[in-house]
Amino acid sequence: MSPVLAGADRAAALASLSGWVERDDGSSLFREFVFRDFAEAFAFMTQVALAAERLEHHPDWTNRWNRVEITLSTHESGGLTERDIALAHEIDRAAL
C-alpha cells in the first residue's frame, strides 16, 4: 500500500501539476480534457489506458463525445499518493 501524501511532500507533488484540482476534501484529483471530436478523445483514452496498465494504477473516468473527465485517488490508501501524481503526469503527456 502506498502512503498518503502529506505536508511538504503533498505540496510539492501538487505544485508539479497544472490543471488538476483537488476534490473530496483533498482525497482525489480531478481534471477535464476537451478534444476536437470523439476520435481524438478516444485516442487519448487509449494512451492513458496503456500508461495506467504500465503503472498498475487506474483512473476513474467518464467520456462524453469529445470530453474526458478523470479522477485519481489511491482507494486502498484512502487518498492521494505518489501513484496518483505519477499517473497525472503521464495523462498530461498524453494530452499534448
C-alpha atoms as a PDB file:
ATOM      1  CA  MET A   1       0.000   0.000   0.000  1.00  0.00           C
ATOM      2  CA  SER A   2       1.277   3.456  -0.927  1.00  0.00           C
ATOM      3  CA  PRO A   3       1.357   6.080   1.841  1.00  0.00           C
ATOM      4  CA  VAL A   4      -0.950   9.098   1.510  1.00  0.00           C
ATOM      5  CA  LEU A   5       0.937  12.271   0.617  1.00  0.00           C
ATOM      6  CA  ALA A   6       1.082  14.843   3.408  1.00  0.00           C
ATOM      7  CA  GLY A   7       2.832  18.062   4.328  1.00  0.00           C
ATOM      8  CA  ALA A   8       5.670  19.339   2.162  1.00  0.00           C
ATOM      9  CA  ASP A   9       5.649  16.182   0.021  1.00  0.00           C
ATOM     10  CA  ARG A  10       1.992  16.736  -0.842  1.00  0.00           C
ATOM     11  CA  ALA A  11       2.510  20.439  -1.563  1.00  0.00           C
ATOM     12  CA  ALA A  12       5.453  19.738  -3.859  1.00  0.00           C
ATOM     13  CA  ALA A  13       3.601  16.975  -5.690  1.00  0.00           C
ATOM     14  CA  LEU A  14       0.529  19.158  -6.277  1.00  0.00           C
ATOM     15  CA  ALA A  15       2.695  22.096  -7.365  1.00  0.00           C
ATOM     16  CA  SER A  16       4.217  19.888 -10.071  1.00  0.00           C
ATOM     17  CA  LEU A  17       0.793  19.532 -11.757  1.00  0.00           C
ATOM     18  CA  SER A  18      -1.149  22.018 -13.833  1.00  0.00           C
ATOM     19  CA  GLY A  19      -4.884  21.981 -14.438  1.00  0.00           C
ATOM     20  CA  TRP A  20      -5.714  19.382 -11.786  1.00  0.00           C
ATOM     21  CA  VAL A  21      -7.980  20.308  -8.871  1.00  0.00           C
ATOM     22  CA  GLU A  22      -8.385  18.607  -5.519  1.00  0.00           C
ATOM     23  CA  ARG A  23     -11.771  17.112  -4.729  1.00  0.00           C
ATOM     24  CA  ASP A  24     -13.395  15.053  -1.993  1.00  0.00           C
ATOM     25  CA  ASP A  25     -11.724  17.031   0.791  1.00  0.00           C
ATOM     26  CA  GLY A  26      -8.345  16.586  -0.893  1.00  0.00           C
ATOM     27  CA  SER A  27      -8.515  12.818  -1.262  1.00  0.00           C
ATOM     28  CA  SER A  28      -8.700  12.914  -5.066  1.00  0.00           C
ATOM     29  CA  LEU A  29      -7.578  14.887  -8.093  1.00  0.00           C
ATOM     30  CA  PHE A  30      -9.859  15.852 -10.986  1.00  0.00           C
ATOM     31  CA  ARG A  31      -9.302  17.187 -14.477  1.00  0.00           C
ATOM     32  CA  GLU A  32     -11.446  17.568 -17.566  1.00  0.00           C
ATOM     33  CA  PHE A  33      -9.933  17.286 -21.033  1.00  0.00           C
ATOM     34  CA  VAL A  34     -11.697  18.600 -24.139  1.00  0.00           C
ATOM     35  CA  PHE A  35     -10.765  17.438 -27.627  1.00  0.00           C
ATOM     36  CA  ARG A  36     -11.874  18.309 -31.158  1.00  0.00           C
ATOM     37  CA  ASP A  37     -14.008  15.180 -31.546  1.00  0.00           C
ATOM     38  CA  PHE A  38     -14.750  11.698 -30.257  1.00  0.00           C
ATOM     39  CA  ALA A  39     -11.887  10.059 -32.164  1.00  0.00           C
ATOM     40  CA  GLU A  40      -9.328  12.384 -30.579  1.00  0.00           C
ATOM     41  CA  ALA A  41     -10.796  11.802 -27.117  1.00  0.00           C
ATOM     42  CA  PHE A  42     -10.771   8.052 -27.647  1.00  0.00           C
ATOM     43  CA  ALA A  43      -7.145   8.097 -28.859  1.00  0.00           C
ATOM     44  CA  PHE A  44      -6.226   9.993 -25.686  1.00  0.00           C
ATOM     45  CA  MET A  45      -8.059   7.448 -23.542  1.00  0.00           C
ATOM     46  CA  THR A  46      -6.164   4.642 -25.256  1.00  0.00           C
ATOM     47  CA  GLN A  47      -2.840   6.283 -24.416  1.00  0.00           C
ATOM     48  CA  VAL A  48      -3.949   6.786 -20.810  1.00  0.00           C
ATOM     49  CA  ALA A  49      -5.089   3.154 -20.580  1.00  0.00           C
ATOM     50  CA  LEU A  50      -1.656   1.940 -21.694  1.00  0.00           C
ATOM     51  CA  ALA A  51       0.085   4.210 -19.163  1.00  0.00           C
ATOM     52  CA  ALA A  52      -2.282   3.056 -16.417  1.00  0.00           C
ATOM     53  CA  GLU A  53      -1.515  -0.579 -17.177  1.00  0.00           C
ATOM     54  CA  ARG A  54       2.209   0.148 -17.134  1.00  0.00           C
ATOM     55  CA  LEU A  55       1.910   1.899 -13.757  1.00  0.00           C
ATOM     56  CA  GLU A  56      -0.623  -0.626 -12.425  1.00  0.00           C
ATOM     57  CA  HIS A  57      -2.826   2.247 -11.310  1.00  0.00           C
ATOM     58  CA  HIS A  58      -6.129   3.001 -12.992  1.00  0.00           C
ATOM     59  CA  PRO A  59      -8.203   6.183 -13.147  1.00  0.00           C
ATOM     60  CA  ASP A  60     -11.896   6.676 -12.621  1.00  0.00           C
ATOM     61  CA  TRP A  61     -13.105   8.356 -15.786  1.00  0.00           C
ATOM     62  CA  THR A  62     -16.028   9.224 -17.995  1.00  0.00           C
ATOM     63  CA  ASN A  63     -16.216  10.076 -21.676  1.00  0.00           C
ATOM     64  CA  ARG A  64     -18.906  12.128 -23.387  1.00  0.00           C
ATOM     65  CA  TRP A  65     -18.164  12.612 -27.076  1.00  0.00           C
ATOM     66  CA  ASN A  66     -15.141  14.989 -27.018  1.00  0.00           C
ATOM     67  CA  ARG A  67     -14.797  15.281 -23.230  1.00  0.00           C
ATOM     68  CA  VAL A  68     -12.910  13.038 -20.835  1.00  0.00           C
ATOM     69  CA  GLU A  69     -13.221  13.589 -17.080  1.00  0.00           C
ATOM     70  CA  ILE A  70     -10.625  11.884 -14.914  1.00  0.00           C
ATOM     71  CA  THR A  71     -10.496  11.404 -11.154  1.00  0.00           C
ATOM     72  CA  LEU A  72      -7.400   9.991  -9.471  1.00  0.00           C
ATOM     73  CA  SER A  73      -7.186   8.556  -5.969  1.00  0.00           C
ATOM     74  CA  THR A  74      -5.480   5.564  -4.409  1.00  0.00           C
ATOM     75  CA  HIS A  75      -8.550   3.915  -2.929  1.00  0.00           C
ATOM     76  CA  GLU A  76      -6.728   1.328  -0.817  1.00  0.00           C
ATOM     77  CA  SER A  77      -4.674   4.112   0.796  1.00  0.00           C
ATOM     78  CA  GLY A  78      -7.630   6.426   1.270  1.00  0.00           C
ATOM     79  CA  GLY A  79      -6.233   9.438  -0.561  1.00  0.00           C
ATOM     80  CA  LEU A  80      -3.593  10.856  -2.863  1.00  0.00           C
ATOM     81  CA  THR A  81      -0.311   9.024  -3.230  1.00  0.00           C
ATOM     82  CA  GLU A  82       2.735   9.187  -5.477  1.00  0.00           C
ATOM     83  CA  ARG A  83       0.913   6.723  -7.742  1.00  0.00           C
ATOM     84  CA  ASP A  84      -1.729   9.354  -8.485  1.00  0.00           C
ATOM     85  CA  ILE A  85       0.857  12.033  -9.161  1.00  0.00           C
ATOM     86  CA  ALA A  86       2.822   9.753 -11.490  1.00  0.00           C
ATOM     87  CA  LEU A  87      -0.325   8.854 -13.433  1.00  0.00           C
ATOM     88  CA  ALA A  88      -1.389  12.522 -13.618  1.00  0.00           C
ATOM     89  CA  HIS A  89       1.956  13.361 -15.242  1.00  0.00           C
ATOM     90  CA  GLU A  90       1.503  10.519 -17.750  1.00  0.00           C
ATOM     91  CA  ILE A  91      -2.017  11.732 -18.501  1.00  0.00           C
ATOM     92  CA  ASP A  92      -0.768  15.265 -19.067  1.00  0.00           C
ATOM     93  CA  ARG A  93       1.848  13.995 -21.517  1.00  0.00           C
ATOM     94  CA  ALA A  94      -0.814  12.021 -23.405  1.00  0.00           C
ATOM     95  CA  ALA A  95      -2.941  15.176 -23.725  1.00  0.00           C
ATOM     96  CA  LEU A  96      -0.272  17.112 -25.605  1.00  0.00           C
END
